[in-house]
Amino acid sequence: MAIVCKSTAEIEKMRRSGRAVREVLNLLNSLVAPGVTTMDLELAAEKKIKDMGAKPAFKGYYNYPCVLCTSVNEEIVHGIPSEKRVLKAGDIVSIDCGVVLDGYYGDAAITVPVDGSVTPEVRKLLEVTEASLYKGIEQAVVGNTVGDVGAAVQECVEANGFSVVREFVGHGIGTKLHEEPQIPNFGERGHGPRLREGMVLAIEPMVNYGKAATRVLEDKWTAVTVDGSCSAHFEHCVAVTKDGPVILTK
C-alpha cells in the first residue's frame, strides 16, 4: 500500500479531528479516580464524541466492541472497558481514543496515574514514555526516515532502563485509521521509508517497566506484559511539514 501525503487543507481537517480526540482525553483525565470503572470512562467518551458531531474510530474496527482502549497496569494496549474493572489507588490506566470527523481520523493516547500513590518507579515509567514520544516527534522532519523516529524513541527508553514493545507499532493515519508506513518504536537511524512533506504519523511508544515480551489474553484483544510489570503508552498524530513536525492532537 502506498504512503499517502496530505495537502495543507487535509492536514487542517486532521487538526480538527486531532483536537476532538484531545478534548475527549482531557475529559477522561479529569474523571480518573479510585472507584471509577473503565466502563465509566467509555460511556463518558462515547457521549463526548457524539456531542462533538464526531464518530468513534475504534468501535466496530475489526469488530472491536468499544470506543476506547483502557489498559490498566500490566495491560499494554487494547484493554476492553468493563464495569467490572474498577480503578484502584496506585493503578495506572492507558486511555487510547480515536475519532473520525469529516472523513479524517485522529488518534491519541495518554497514561494516567489513578491517584497520587503510584510508586516513584512507575511515575518515572510514565515520564520516560512521554519523553520518548517527544524525542520521536523531533525526528519527524522532511528527509529523515522512519528508522530515525524509532531509534530516538528506543534510545530514550533504554537509556532509562525500560523496554520498548516490538509487536505493536505506530502508523500512518488520514482517511483511514491505519495507513502506511508502520512506525516502530525501535530502529536504526537512516533506515526505513523516507519522510516526505504531507505525511501524517501516529507515533505511539508502548514501554514496559520490565522485559519487552508480550502476550494477548483470551479476549483476543488485550495485550499484557509476560512478566506482569507495568506498561505505559502515549500517542500523538504528527504532520511532517516543511517547517518541521506539527502535533495535530494537542
Protein backbone atom coordinates (compact mmCIF):
# COMPACT_ATOMS: atom_id res chain seq x y z
CA MET A 1 0.00 0.00 0.00
CA ALA A 2 1.37 3.43 -0.95
CA ILE A 3 2.14 6.16 1.54
CA VAL A 4 -0.40 8.98 1.22
CA CYS A 5 0.81 12.58 1.63
CA LYS A 6 -1.82 15.11 2.69
CA SER A 7 -2.45 18.62 1.37
CA THR A 8 -2.45 21.64 3.68
CA ALA A 9 -6.27 21.60 3.62
CA GLU A 10 -6.34 17.92 4.59
CA ILE A 11 -3.90 18.49 7.45
CA GLU A 12 -6.18 21.29 8.68
CA LYS A 13 -9.09 18.80 8.75
CA MET A 14 -6.90 16.35 10.65
CA ARG A 15 -6.07 19.09 13.13
CA ARG A 16 -9.81 19.34 13.86
CA SER A 17 -10.16 15.59 14.39
CA GLY A 18 -6.99 15.65 16.49
CA ARG A 19 -8.38 18.45 18.64
CA ALA A 20 -11.57 16.44 19.17
CA VAL A 21 -9.55 13.46 20.42
CA ARG A 22 -7.64 15.72 22.79
CA GLU A 23 -10.90 17.09 24.22
CA VAL A 24 -12.05 13.55 24.95
CA LEU A 25 -8.74 12.63 26.62
CA ASN A 26 -8.74 15.84 28.69
CA LEU A 27 -12.23 14.99 29.96
CA LEU A 28 -11.26 11.40 30.80
CA ASN A 29 -8.06 12.50 32.53
CA SER A 30 -10.22 14.61 34.87
CA LEU A 31 -12.50 11.65 35.63
CA VAL A 32 -9.84 9.07 36.52
CA ALA A 33 -10.02 8.31 40.27
CA PRO A 34 -10.21 5.34 42.63
CA GLY A 35 -13.63 3.64 42.35
CA VAL A 36 -14.21 4.71 38.72
CA THR A 37 -14.64 1.82 36.29
CA THR A 38 -13.15 1.68 32.82
CA MET A 39 -16.75 1.44 31.55
CA ASP A 40 -17.47 4.80 33.23
CA LEU A 41 -14.67 6.25 31.07
CA GLU A 42 -16.08 4.51 27.99
CA LEU A 43 -19.58 5.97 28.47
CA ALA A 44 -18.21 9.47 29.07
CA ALA A 45 -16.08 9.23 25.92
CA GLU A 46 -18.96 7.93 23.82
CA LYS A 47 -21.18 10.85 24.88
CA LYS A 48 -18.44 13.44 24.32
CA ILE A 49 -17.64 12.12 20.83
CA LYS A 50 -21.33 12.20 19.89
CA ASP A 51 -21.77 15.72 21.32
CA MET A 52 -18.90 16.96 19.13
CA GLY A 53 -20.52 15.55 15.98
CA ALA A 54 -17.70 13.03 15.51
CA LYS A 55 -17.76 9.25 15.26
CA PRO A 56 -15.65 6.77 17.24
CA ALA A 57 -12.79 5.31 15.22
CA PHE A 58 -12.29 2.08 17.17
CA LYS A 59 -15.82 0.74 17.73
CA GLY A 60 -16.50 -1.91 15.11
CA TYR A 61 -12.95 -1.78 13.74
CA TYR A 62 -12.18 -5.48 13.21
CA ASN A 63 -15.25 -5.96 15.48
CA TYR A 64 -13.65 -4.17 18.44
CA PRO A 65 -16.57 -3.56 20.85
CA CYS A 66 -15.81 -0.14 22.38
CA VAL A 67 -14.86 3.47 21.59
CA LEU A 68 -11.85 3.42 23.95
CA CYS A 69 -8.99 1.09 24.74
CA THR A 70 -8.38 1.21 28.52
CA SER A 71 -5.29 -0.72 29.60
CA VAL A 72 -4.54 -0.97 33.33
CA ASN A 73 -1.13 -1.65 34.92
CA GLU A 74 0.41 -4.68 33.12
CA GLU A 75 -2.01 -4.26 30.18
CA ILE A 76 -0.10 -2.67 27.29
CA VAL A 77 -2.77 -1.85 24.69
CA HIS A 78 -6.28 -2.81 23.53
CA GLY A 79 -7.75 -3.34 27.01
CA ILE A 80 -11.55 -3.52 26.66
CA PRO A 81 -13.57 -1.24 29.00
CA SER A 82 -15.63 -3.12 31.57
CA GLU A 83 -17.88 -2.26 34.50
CA LYS A 84 -16.01 -4.99 36.40
CA ARG A 85 -12.65 -3.21 36.05
CA VAL A 86 -12.58 -0.78 38.98
CA LEU A 87 -9.60 1.58 39.16
CA LYS A 88 -7.72 1.48 42.47
CA ALA A 89 -5.24 3.71 44.25
CA GLY A 90 -1.76 3.07 42.84
CA ASP A 91 -3.02 1.89 39.43
CA ILE A 92 -2.13 3.45 36.10
CA VAL A 93 -4.50 3.42 33.14
CA SER A 94 -3.64 3.94 29.49
CA ILE A 95 -6.51 5.56 27.57
CA ASP A 96 -6.37 5.33 23.77
CA CYS A 97 -9.04 7.12 21.74
CA GLY A 98 -9.70 7.70 18.05
CA VAL A 99 -12.37 9.69 16.23
CA VAL A 100 -13.47 10.37 12.67
CA LEU A 101 -14.53 13.92 11.80
CA ASP A 102 -15.37 14.98 8.23
CA GLY A 103 -13.80 11.77 6.94
CA TYR A 104 -10.42 12.23 8.66
CA TYR A 105 -9.08 10.33 11.64
CA GLY A 106 -7.48 11.48 14.86
CA ASP A 107 -5.81 9.09 17.32
CA ALA A 108 -4.03 9.73 20.62
CA ALA A 109 -3.27 8.08 23.96
CA ILE A 110 -2.29 9.06 27.48
CA THR A 111 -1.35 7.04 30.55
CA VAL A 112 -2.71 8.43 33.79
CA PRO A 113 -1.91 7.65 37.44
CA VAL A 114 -5.20 6.88 39.20
CA ASP A 115 -4.14 8.92 42.22
CA GLY A 116 -1.01 10.26 43.88
CA SER A 117 0.04 6.92 45.35
CA VAL A 118 1.80 5.42 42.32
CA THR A 119 5.36 4.44 43.14
CA PRO A 120 8.27 6.69 42.10
CA GLU A 121 9.42 3.90 39.76
CA VAL A 122 6.08 3.80 37.94
CA ARG A 123 5.92 7.61 37.81
CA LYS A 124 9.33 7.53 36.13
CA LEU A 125 8.00 4.99 33.61
CA LEU A 126 5.23 7.44 32.66
CA GLU A 127 7.63 10.38 32.41
CA VAL A 128 10.14 8.47 30.27
CA THR A 129 7.46 7.05 27.95
CA GLU A 130 6.03 10.53 27.33
CA ALA A 131 9.53 11.97 26.88
CA SER A 132 10.34 9.23 24.34
CA LEU A 133 7.25 10.23 22.35
CA TYR A 134 8.58 13.78 22.04
CA LYS A 135 12.04 12.50 21.10
CA GLY A 136 10.38 10.57 18.28
CA ILE A 137 8.35 13.60 17.22
CA GLU A 138 11.52 15.72 16.99
CA GLN A 139 12.75 13.35 14.26
CA ALA A 140 9.56 13.66 12.15
CA VAL A 141 11.15 16.06 9.65
CA VAL A 142 11.34 16.02 5.86
CA GLY A 143 14.28 13.88 4.70
CA ASN A 144 14.59 11.80 7.87
CA THR A 145 13.50 8.17 7.93
CA VAL A 146 11.06 6.08 9.93
CA GLY A 147 14.15 4.49 11.48
CA ASP A 148 15.23 7.89 12.83
CA VAL A 149 11.91 8.21 14.68
CA GLY A 150 12.07 4.68 16.11
CA ALA A 151 15.72 4.97 17.11
CA ALA A 152 15.05 8.21 19.02
CA VAL A 153 12.24 6.55 20.99
CA GLN A 154 14.30 3.42 21.68
CA GLU A 155 17.39 5.34 22.81
CA CYS A 156 15.39 7.40 25.30
CA VAL A 157 13.59 4.36 26.72
CA GLU A 158 16.58 2.06 27.01
CA ALA A 159 18.85 4.75 28.47
CA ASN A 160 16.43 4.79 31.41
CA GLY A 161 16.40 1.01 31.86
CA PHE A 162 12.95 0.30 30.39
CA SER A 163 11.90 -1.89 27.42
CA VAL A 164 10.25 -0.98 24.13
CA VAL A 165 7.33 -3.15 22.98
CA ARG A 166 8.06 -4.51 19.49
CA GLU A 167 4.88 -6.32 18.48
CA PHE A 168 2.74 -3.15 18.37
CA VAL A 169 3.75 -0.05 16.41
CA GLY A 170 2.62 3.38 15.31
CA HIS A 171 1.25 4.04 11.84
CA GLY A 172 0.34 6.48 9.14
CA ILE A 173 -3.12 8.00 9.50
CA GLY A 174 -5.54 10.01 7.35
CA THR A 175 -8.79 8.93 5.73
CA LYS A 176 -8.08 5.51 7.27
CA LEU A 177 -7.17 4.79 10.88
CA HIS A 178 -4.14 2.72 9.85
CA GLU A 179 -2.17 3.75 6.76
CA GLU A 180 1.39 3.14 5.63
CA PRO A 181 4.06 3.40 6.88
CA GLN A 182 4.29 1.45 10.12
CA ILE A 183 6.21 3.39 12.79
CA PRO A 184 8.10 1.01 15.13
CA ASN A 185 9.36 2.38 18.44
CA PHE A 186 12.80 0.96 17.72
CA GLY A 187 15.05 1.03 14.68
CA GLU A 188 18.23 2.18 13.02
CA ARG A 189 18.86 5.76 12.02
CA GLY A 190 18.80 6.23 8.25
CA HIS A 191 16.74 3.07 7.65
CA GLY A 192 13.15 2.65 6.53
CA PRO A 193 10.86 4.84 4.41
CA ARG A 194 11.96 8.45 3.99
CA LEU A 195 9.68 11.10 5.47
CA ARG A 196 8.08 13.49 2.98
CA GLU A 197 6.11 16.68 3.37
CA GLY A 198 2.43 15.92 4.00
CA MET A 199 2.89 12.56 5.72
CA VAL A 200 0.90 12.23 8.95
CA LEU A 201 2.22 9.77 11.53
CA ALA A 202 0.63 8.34 14.67
CA ILE A 203 3.71 7.96 16.87
CA GLU A 204 2.94 5.85 19.95
CA PRO A 205 5.62 4.46 22.26
CA MET A 206 4.50 1.48 24.36
CA VAL A 207 7.05 0.94 27.12
CA ASN A 208 7.34 -1.82 29.71
CA TYR A 209 8.87 -1.39 33.15
CA GLY A 210 10.33 -4.90 32.93
CA LYS A 211 11.05 -7.07 29.92
CA ALA A 212 9.71 -6.35 26.41
CA ALA A 213 7.88 -9.68 25.95
CA THR A 214 4.11 -9.53 25.44
CA ARG A 215 1.15 -11.89 25.12
CA VAL A 216 -2.51 -11.45 24.14
CA LEU A 217 -5.26 -12.58 26.52
CA GLU A 218 -8.14 -14.93 25.65
CA ASP A 219 -10.37 -11.97 24.70
CA LYS A 220 -8.11 -11.78 21.59
CA TRP A 221 -7.53 -8.04 22.18
CA THR A 222 -5.84 -7.20 25.48
CA ALA A 223 -2.04 -7.31 25.24
CA VAL A 224 -0.15 -7.68 28.53
CA THR A 225 3.45 -7.90 29.70
CA VAL A 226 4.61 -11.50 30.13
CA ASP A 227 6.45 -10.67 33.37
CA GLY A 228 3.48 -8.76 34.87
CA SER A 229 5.34 -5.45 35.02
CA CYS A 230 3.54 -2.16 34.35
CA SER A 231 3.36 -0.69 30.86
CA ALA A 232 2.78 2.89 29.65
CA HIS A 233 1.52 4.26 26.32
CA PHE A 234 1.47 7.79 24.90
CA GLU A 235 0.47 8.79 21.37
CA HIS A 236 0.21 11.88 19.16
CA CYS A 237 -0.65 12.39 15.49
CA VAL A 238 2.11 14.42 13.85
CA ALA A 239 2.20 16.09 10.42
CA VAL A 240 5.54 16.23 8.61
CA THR A 241 5.75 19.77 7.19
CA LYS A 242 8.42 21.90 5.55
CA ASP A 243 8.58 23.86 8.81
CA GLY A 244 9.09 20.76 10.97
CA PRO A 245 6.79 18.41 12.88
CA VAL A 246 3.32 19.71 13.79
CA ILE A 247 1.38 17.89 16.54
CA LEU A 248 -2.26 17.63 15.46
CA THR A 249 -3.59 16.08 18.69
CA LYS A 250 -2.57 18.89 21.04
